[in-house]
Amino acid sequence: MIESGESCLDIARQLAAVESAVTAAKRVLIHDHIDHCLAHDEDSVLTEMKALTKLL
């Protein structure tokens, strides 16, 4: 976009959209991982949950 001369506002909007998409993907990944840990009753669930909360 920069090379093609797009405006700073358009570039900022695209970056905001990318950031939002990555945040949403992270949320889904963490949610699915929590569900997996709880469903399988692994011994390391508490450790996993503590690690995941640091990412939120």
N, C-alpha and C. Protein backbone atom coordinates (compact mmCIF):
# COMPACT_ATOMS: atom_id res chain seq x y z
N MET A 1 0.82 -1.19 0.00
CA MET A 1 0.00 0.00 0.00
C MET A 1 0.86 1.25 0.00
N ILE A 2 1.95 1.19 0.72
CA ILE A 2 2.83 2.36 0.78
C ILE A 2 3.43 2.61 -0.60
N GLU A 3 3.90 1.52 -1.24
CA GLU A 3 4.51 1.66 -2.55
C GLU A 3 3.53 2.18 -3.60
N SER A 4 2.25 1.86 -3.42
CA SER A 4 1.27 2.30 -4.41
C SER A 4 0.70 3.68 -4.10
N GLY A 5 1.20 4.31 -3.05
CA GLY A 5 0.81 5.68 -2.76
C GLY A 5 -0.51 5.85 -2.01
N GLU A 6 -0.95 4.81 -1.33
CA GLU A 6 -2.18 4.93 -0.54
C GLU A 6 -1.99 5.96 0.57
N SER A 7 -3.09 6.55 0.99
CA SER A 7 -3.01 7.58 2.04
C SER A 7 -2.67 6.94 3.39
N CYS A 8 -2.13 7.76 4.27
CA CYS A 8 -1.79 7.28 5.61
C CYS A 8 -3.04 6.79 6.34
N LEU A 9 -4.16 7.46 6.12
CA LEU A 9 -5.40 7.06 6.76
C LEU A 9 -5.83 5.66 6.30
N ASP A 10 -5.74 5.40 5.00
CA ASP A 10 -6.10 4.08 4.48
C ASP A 10 -5.18 2.99 5.04
N ILE A 11 -3.91 3.30 5.13
CA ILE A 11 -2.94 2.33 5.67
C ILE A 11 -3.25 2.07 7.14
N ALA A 12 -3.53 3.13 7.89
CA ALA A 12 -3.86 2.98 9.31
C ALA A 12 -5.13 2.15 9.49
N ARG A 13 -6.10 2.35 8.64
CA ARG A 13 -7.33 1.56 8.72
C ARG A 13 -7.04 0.08 8.46
N GLN A 14 -6.22 -0.20 7.48
CA GLN A 14 -5.87 -1.58 7.17
C GLN A 14 -5.11 -2.22 8.33
N LEU A 15 -4.19 -1.47 8.93
CA LEU A 15 -3.44 -2.00 10.07
C LEU A 15 -4.37 -2.27 11.25
N ALA A 16 -5.33 -1.39 11.47
CA ALA A 16 -6.30 -1.60 12.55
C ALA A 16 -7.13 -2.85 12.29
N ALA A 17 -7.50 -3.07 11.04
CA ALA A 17 -8.28 -4.26 10.68
C ALA A 17 -7.46 -5.53 10.91
N VAL A 18 -6.20 -5.49 10.54
CA VAL A 18 -5.32 -6.64 10.74
C VAL A 18 -5.15 -6.91 12.23
N GLU A 19 -4.93 -5.86 13.00
CA GLU A 19 -4.78 -6.01 14.45
C GLU A 19 -6.04 -6.62 15.07
N SER A 20 -7.18 -6.17 14.65
CA SER A 20 -8.45 -6.70 15.15
C SER A 20 -8.61 -8.18 14.80
N ALA A 21 -8.25 -8.54 13.59
CA ALA A 21 -8.35 -9.94 13.16
C ALA A 21 -7.41 -10.84 13.95
N VAL A 22 -6.20 -10.37 14.20
CA VAL A 22 -5.24 -11.16 14.98
C VAL A 22 -5.73 -11.32 16.42
N THR A 23 -6.26 -10.26 17.00
CA THR A 23 -6.80 -10.33 18.35
C THR A 23 -7.95 -11.33 18.43
N ALA A 24 -8.83 -11.31 17.45
CA ALA A 24 -9.95 -12.25 17.42
C ALA A 24 -9.45 -13.69 17.28
N ALA A 25 -8.46 -13.90 16.45
CA ALA A 25 -7.90 -15.24 16.27
C ALA A 25 -7.25 -15.73 17.56
N LYS A 26 -6.55 -14.84 18.25
CA LYS A 26 -5.93 -15.19 19.53
C LYS A 26 -6.99 -15.60 20.53
N ARG A 27 -8.08 -14.86 20.57
CA ARG A 27 -9.17 -15.15 21.50
C ARG A 27 -9.76 -16.54 21.23
N VAL A 28 -9.97 -16.86 19.97
CA VAL A 28 -10.52 -18.17 19.60
C VAL A 28 -9.54 -19.28 19.98
N LEU A 29 -8.27 -19.08 19.69
CA LEU A 29 -7.25 -20.08 20.01
C LEU A 29 -7.19 -20.35 21.50
N ILE A 30 -7.18 -19.29 22.31
CA ILE A 30 -7.12 -19.45 23.75
C ILE A 30 -8.38 -20.13 24.27
N HIS A 31 -9.53 -19.73 23.76
CA HIS A 31 -10.80 -20.33 24.19
C HIS A 31 -10.81 -21.83 23.89
N ASP A 32 -10.40 -22.19 22.69
CA ASP A 32 -10.36 -23.60 22.31
C ASP A 32 -9.37 -24.38 23.17
N HIS A 33 -8.24 -23.77 23.49
CA HIS A 33 -7.24 -24.45 24.30
C HIS A 33 -7.77 -24.68 25.72
N ILE A 34 -8.45 -23.68 26.27
CA ILE A 34 -9.04 -23.83 27.60
C ILE A 34 -10.06 -24.97 27.58
N ASP A 35 -10.93 -24.98 26.57
CA ASP A 35 -11.92 -26.05 26.45
C ASP A 35 -11.24 -27.42 26.39
N HIS A 36 -10.17 -27.51 25.61
CA HIS A 36 -9.45 -28.77 25.48
C HIS A 36 -8.86 -29.20 26.82
N CYS A 37 -8.23 -28.29 27.53
CA CYS A 37 -7.62 -28.63 28.82
C CYS A 37 -8.67 -29.10 29.82
N LEU A 38 -9.80 -28.40 29.86
CA LEU A 38 -10.84 -28.76 30.81
C LEU A 38 -11.51 -30.08 30.44
N ALA A 39 -11.66 -30.34 29.16
CA ALA A 39 -12.31 -31.57 28.71
C ALA A 39 -11.45 -32.80 28.97
N HIS A 40 -10.14 -32.63 28.93
CA HIS A 40 -9.26 -33.78 29.09
C HIS A 40 -8.72 -33.94 30.50
N ASP A 41 -9.10 -33.03 31.40
CA ASP A 41 -8.74 -33.13 32.81
C ASP A 41 -7.26 -33.47 33.00
N GLU A 42 -6.44 -32.75 32.31
CA GLU A 42 -5.00 -32.98 32.40
C GLU A 42 -4.47 -32.50 33.74
N ASP A 43 -3.40 -33.11 34.19
CA ASP A 43 -2.79 -32.73 35.46
C ASP A 43 -2.24 -31.31 35.42
N SER A 44 -1.90 -30.85 34.25
CA SER A 44 -1.26 -29.54 34.13
C SER A 44 -2.25 -28.41 33.85
N VAL A 45 -3.55 -28.63 34.12
CA VAL A 45 -4.56 -27.63 33.79
C VAL A 45 -4.28 -26.31 34.50
N LEU A 46 -3.96 -26.35 35.78
CA LEU A 46 -3.70 -25.12 36.53
C LEU A 46 -2.51 -24.36 35.94
N THR A 47 -1.46 -25.06 35.61
CA THR A 47 -0.29 -24.43 35.00
C THR A 47 -0.65 -23.81 33.66
N GLU A 48 -1.42 -24.55 32.87
CA GLU A 48 -1.84 -24.03 31.56
C GLU A 48 -2.70 -22.78 31.71
N MET A 49 -3.62 -22.79 32.67
CA MET A 49 -4.51 -21.64 32.87
C MET A 49 -3.71 -20.41 33.29
N LYS A 50 -2.75 -20.59 34.16
CA LYS A 50 -1.90 -19.47 34.58
C LYS A 50 -1.13 -18.90 33.39
N ALA A 51 -0.61 -19.77 32.56
CA ALA A 51 0.13 -19.31 31.38
C ALA A 51 -0.79 -18.58 30.41
N LEU A 52 -2.00 -19.10 30.23
CA LEU A 52 -2.95 -18.47 29.31
C LEU A 52 -3.40 -17.10 29.80
N THR A 53 -3.60 -16.95 31.11
CA THR A 53 -4.06 -15.65 31.61
C THR A 53 -3.02 -14.56 31.37
N LYS A 54 -1.77 -14.93 31.27
CA LYS A 54 -0.73 -13.94 30.97
C LYS A 54 -0.86 -13.42 29.55
N LEU A 55 -1.49 -14.18 28.68
CA LEU A 55 -1.65 -13.78 27.29
C LEU A 55 -2.88 -12.93 27.05
N LEU A 56 -3.77 -12.88 28.02
CA LEU A 56 -5.02 -12.14 27.86
C LEU A 56 -4.84 -10.66 28.14
